[in-house]
Amino acid sequence: MRAPSTNGISFVMQGFIDEVAVAAGKDPIQFRLDLLASRTAERRVPGGFNAERAKGVLEAVRDMSDWNNRGKLPKGTGKGVAFQFAHAGYVAYVCEVTVDSSKKIKVNKAWAAIDIGNQIVN
């Protein structure tokens, strides 16, 4: 945990984006992609954020996790998504989780798509 403030802020922001997506009746991944669509033509915006790279990790994690078939999961099982841009890297995750009758949560699977570009990471 080398970036505790980044992790905390990302958790709050991604939770809020999910709430807005649900309120809008939109798929959580598609909602994020739609938000990025207005930035795509610009390629790069102030602060170094690149919408194409962000879309790339979201689309990759959507495809590898079979996101579009999540409606076929057993009762008590679901998938969630999160995205983070931090320290010049783009990361998207999908997790499949199950909640049993005693409300115990189990992470069944997790998929990650990460684009850190050509920077050197220590």
C-alpha atoms as a PDB file:
ATOM      1  CA  MET A   1       0.000   0.000   0.000  1.00  0.00           C
ATOM      2  CA  ARG A   2       2.369   2.669  -1.229  1.00  0.00           C
ATOM      3  CA  ALA A   3      -0.344   5.190  -2.081  1.00  0.00           C
ATOM      4  CA  PRO A   4      -2.964   5.143   0.687  1.00  0.00           C
ATOM      5  CA  SER A   5      -4.599   8.451  -0.226  1.00  0.00           C
ATOM      6  CA  THR A   6      -4.863   7.433  -3.897  1.00  0.00           C
ATOM      7  CA  ASN A   7      -6.485   4.125  -2.940  1.00  0.00           C
ATOM      8  CA  GLY A   8      -9.005   5.743  -0.602  1.00  0.00           C
ATOM      9  CA  ILE A   9      -9.985   8.435  -3.076  1.00  0.00           C
ATOM     10  CA  SER A  10     -10.372   5.853  -5.836  1.00  0.00           C
ATOM     11  CA  PHE A  11     -12.635   3.692  -3.655  1.00  0.00           C
ATOM     12  CA  VAL A  12     -14.935   6.628  -2.897  1.00  0.00           C
ATOM     13  CA  MET A  13     -15.014   7.898  -6.483  1.00  0.00           C
ATOM     14  CA  GLN A  14     -15.702   4.485  -7.998  1.00  0.00           C
ATOM     15  CA  GLY A  15     -18.489   3.846  -5.500  1.00  0.00           C
ATOM     16  CA  PHE A  16     -20.051   7.193  -6.389  1.00  0.00           C
ATOM     17  CA  ILE A  17     -19.771   6.515 -10.132  1.00  0.00           C
ATOM     18  CA  ASP A  18     -21.580   3.202  -9.580  1.00  0.00           C
ATOM     19  CA  GLU A  19     -24.351   4.986  -7.675  1.00  0.00           C
ATOM     20  CA  VAL A  20     -24.773   7.487 -10.516  1.00  0.00           C
ATOM     21  CA  ALA A  21     -24.794   4.664 -13.095  1.00  0.00           C
ATOM     22  CA  VAL A  22     -27.496   2.801 -11.155  1.00  0.00           C
ATOM     23  CA  ALA A  23     -29.560   5.998 -10.768  1.00  0.00           C
ATOM     24  CA  ALA A  24     -29.273   6.544 -14.533  1.00  0.00           C
ATOM     25  CA  GLY A  25     -30.245   2.918 -15.256  1.00  0.00           C
ATOM     26  CA  LYS A  26     -26.941   2.316 -17.059  1.00  0.00           C
ATOM     27  CA  ASP A  27     -24.481  -0.553 -17.144  1.00  0.00           C
ATOM     28  CA  PRO A  28     -21.534   0.412 -14.870  1.00  0.00           C
ATOM     29  CA  ILE A  29     -18.820  -0.263 -17.455  1.00  0.00           C
ATOM     30  CA  GLN A  30     -20.736   1.329 -20.317  1.00  0.00           C
ATOM     31  CA  PHE A  31     -21.445   4.362 -18.117  1.00  0.00           C
ATOM     32  CA  ARG A  32     -17.693   4.819 -17.555  1.00  0.00           C
ATOM     33  CA  LEU A  33     -17.000   4.382 -21.281  1.00  0.00           C
ATOM     34  CA  ASP A  34     -19.669   6.963 -22.099  1.00  0.00           C
ATOM     35  CA  LEU A  35     -18.055   9.435 -19.686  1.00  0.00           C
ATOM     36  CA  LEU A  36     -14.758   8.906 -21.482  1.00  0.00           C
ATOM     37  CA  ALA A  37     -16.304   9.330 -24.955  1.00  0.00           C
ATOM     38  CA  SER A  38     -16.312  13.123 -24.679  1.00  0.00           C
ATOM     39  CA  ARG A  39     -12.567  13.024 -23.993  1.00  0.00           C
ATOM     40  CA  THR A  40     -11.646  10.589 -26.765  1.00  0.00           C
ATOM     41  CA  ALA A  41     -11.333  13.207 -29.503  1.00  0.00           C
ATOM     42  CA  GLU A  42      -8.903  15.229 -27.406  1.00  0.00           C
ATOM     43  CA  ARG A  43      -6.538  12.249 -26.943  1.00  0.00           C
ATOM     44  CA  ARG A  44      -4.737  13.946 -24.076  1.00  0.00           C
ATOM     45  CA  VAL A  45      -6.222  16.326 -21.558  1.00  0.00           C
ATOM     46  CA  PRO A  46      -4.499  18.409 -18.887  1.00  0.00           C
ATOM     47  CA  GLY A  47      -2.823  16.352 -16.189  1.00  0.00           C
ATOM     48  CA  GLY A  48      -1.621  13.661 -18.545  1.00  0.00           C
ATOM     49  CA  PHE A  49      -4.878  11.658 -18.606  1.00  0.00           C
ATOM     50  CA  ASN A  50      -5.432   9.798 -21.891  1.00  0.00           C
ATOM     51  CA  ALA A  51      -9.033   8.698 -22.474  1.00  0.00           C
ATOM     52  CA  GLU A  52      -8.056   6.125 -25.119  1.00  0.00           C
ATOM     53  CA  ARG A  53      -5.813   4.285 -22.656  1.00  0.00           C
ATOM     54  CA  ALA A  54      -8.544   4.428 -20.002  1.00  0.00           C
ATOM     55  CA  LYS A  55     -11.072   3.004 -22.453  1.00  0.00           C
ATOM     56  CA  GLY A  56      -8.583   0.299 -23.386  1.00  0.00           C
ATOM     57  CA  VAL A  57      -8.320  -1.153 -19.883  1.00  0.00           C
ATOM     58  CA  LEU A  58     -12.089  -0.930 -19.291  1.00  0.00           C
ATOM     59  CA  GLU A  59     -12.866  -2.681 -22.576  1.00  0.00           C
ATOM     60  CA  ALA A  60     -10.199  -5.332 -21.941  1.00  0.00           C
ATOM     61  CA  VAL A  61     -11.462  -6.182 -18.450  1.00  0.00           C
ATOM     62  CA  ARG A  62     -15.068  -6.191 -19.722  1.00  0.00           C
ATOM     63  CA  ASP A  63     -14.166  -8.728 -22.406  1.00  0.00           C
ATOM     64  CA  MET A  64     -11.928 -11.018 -20.323  1.00  0.00           C
ATOM     65  CA  SER A  65     -14.476 -11.218 -17.479  1.00  0.00           C
ATOM     66  CA  ASP A  66     -17.435 -12.020 -19.763  1.00  0.00           C
ATOM     67  CA  TRP A  67     -19.128  -8.981 -18.201  1.00  0.00           C
ATOM     68  CA  ASN A  68     -22.032  -8.906 -20.640  1.00  0.00           C
ATOM     69  CA  ASN A  69     -23.203 -12.366 -19.487  1.00  0.00           C
ATOM     70  CA  ARG A  70     -23.256 -11.547 -15.770  1.00  0.00           C
ATOM     71  CA  GLY A  71     -27.061 -11.852 -15.752  1.00  0.00           C
ATOM     72  CA  LYS A  72     -26.601 -15.625 -16.030  1.00  0.00           C
ATOM     73  CA  LEU A  73     -24.761 -15.887 -12.707  1.00  0.00           C
ATOM     74  CA  PRO A  74     -26.304 -17.921  -9.878  1.00  0.00           C
ATOM     75  CA  LYS A  75     -28.407 -16.199  -7.219  1.00  0.00           C
ATOM     76  CA  GLY A  76     -26.216 -14.419  -4.676  1.00  0.00           C
ATOM     77  CA  THR A  77     -23.369 -13.954  -7.157  1.00  0.00           C
ATOM     78  CA  GLY A  78     -22.515 -10.738  -8.952  1.00  0.00           C
ATOM     79  CA  LYS A  79     -19.758  -8.793 -10.657  1.00  0.00           C
ATOM     80  CA  GLY A  80     -18.472  -5.309  -9.943  1.00  0.00           C
ATOM     81  CA  VAL A  81     -16.041  -3.009 -11.705  1.00  0.00           C
ATOM     82  CA  ALA A  82     -13.551  -0.350 -10.688  1.00  0.00           C
ATOM     83  CA  PHE A  83     -11.148   1.888 -12.585  1.00  0.00           C
ATOM     84  CA  GLN A  84      -8.235   3.970 -11.414  1.00  0.00           C
ATOM     85  CA  PHE A  85      -5.849   6.412 -13.047  1.00  0.00           C
ATOM     86  CA  ALA A  86      -2.911   7.113 -10.772  1.00  0.00           C
ATOM     87  CA  HIS A  87       0.824   7.681 -11.082  1.00  0.00           C
ATOM     88  CA  ALA A  88       0.525   7.675 -14.903  1.00  0.00           C
ATOM     89  CA  GLY A  89      -1.048   4.187 -14.913  1.00  0.00           C
ATOM     90  CA  TYR A  90      -4.504   2.963 -15.932  1.00  0.00           C
ATOM     91  CA  VAL A  91      -6.039   0.027 -14.068  1.00  0.00           C
ATOM     92  CA  ALA A  92      -9.454  -1.645 -14.319  1.00  0.00           C
ATOM     93  CA  TYR A  93     -10.723  -4.598 -12.309  1.00  0.00           C
ATOM     94  CA  VAL A  94     -13.798  -6.790 -12.384  1.00  0.00           C
ATOM     95  CA  CYS A  95     -14.476  -9.024  -9.395  1.00  0.00           C
ATOM     96  CA  GLU A  96     -17.019 -11.806  -9.170  1.00  0.00           C
ATOM     97  CA  VAL A  97     -18.286 -12.273  -5.620  1.00  0.00           C
ATOM     98  CA  THR A  98     -20.801 -14.487  -3.847  1.00  0.00           C
ATOM     99  CA  VAL A  99     -22.762 -13.683  -0.705  1.00  0.00           C
ATOM    100  CA  ASP A 100     -23.950 -16.785   1.165  1.00  0.00           C
ATOM    101  CA  SER A 101     -26.971 -17.140   3.459  1.00  0.00           C
ATOM    102  CA  SER A 102     -24.935 -16.001   6.487  1.00  0.00           C
ATOM    103  CA  LYS A 103     -23.892 -12.850   4.571  1.00  0.00           C
ATOM    104  CA  LYS A 104     -20.317 -14.075   4.200  1.00  0.00           C
ATOM    105  CA  ILE A 105     -18.648 -12.646   1.079  1.00  0.00           C
ATOM    106  CA  LYS A 106     -16.363 -14.751  -1.068  1.00  0.00           C
ATOM    107  CA  VAL A 107     -14.348 -13.424  -4.011  1.00  0.00           C
ATOM    108  CA  ASN A 108     -14.620 -16.115  -6.679  1.00  0.00           C
ATOM    109  CA  LYS A 109     -12.578 -14.534  -9.450  1.00  0.00           C
ATOM    110  CA  ALA A 110     -10.870 -11.269 -10.284  1.00  0.00           C
ATOM    111  CA  TRP A 111      -9.713  -9.899 -13.619  1.00  0.00           C
ATOM    112  CA  ALA A 112      -7.337  -6.981 -14.104  1.00  0.00           C
ATOM    113  CA  ALA A 113      -6.274  -4.923 -17.096  1.00  0.00           C
ATOM    114  CA  ILE A 114      -3.313  -2.650 -16.462  1.00  0.00           C
ATOM    115  CA  ASP A 115      -1.610  -0.157 -18.763  1.00  0.00           C
ATOM    116  CA  ILE A 116       1.421   1.462 -17.194  1.00  0.00           C
ATOM    117  CA  GLY A 117       2.899   2.520 -20.495  1.00  0.00           C
ATOM    118  CA  ASN A 118       6.646   2.638 -20.891  1.00  0.00           C
ATOM    119  CA  GLN A 119       7.527   4.133 -17.522  1.00  0.00           C
ATOM    120  CA  ILE A 120       9.955   2.394 -15.202  1.00  0.00           C
ATOM    121  CA  VAL A 121       8.338   1.069 -12.026  1.00  0.00           C
ATOM    122  CA  ASN A 122      10.319   0.353  -8.885  1.00  0.00           C
END
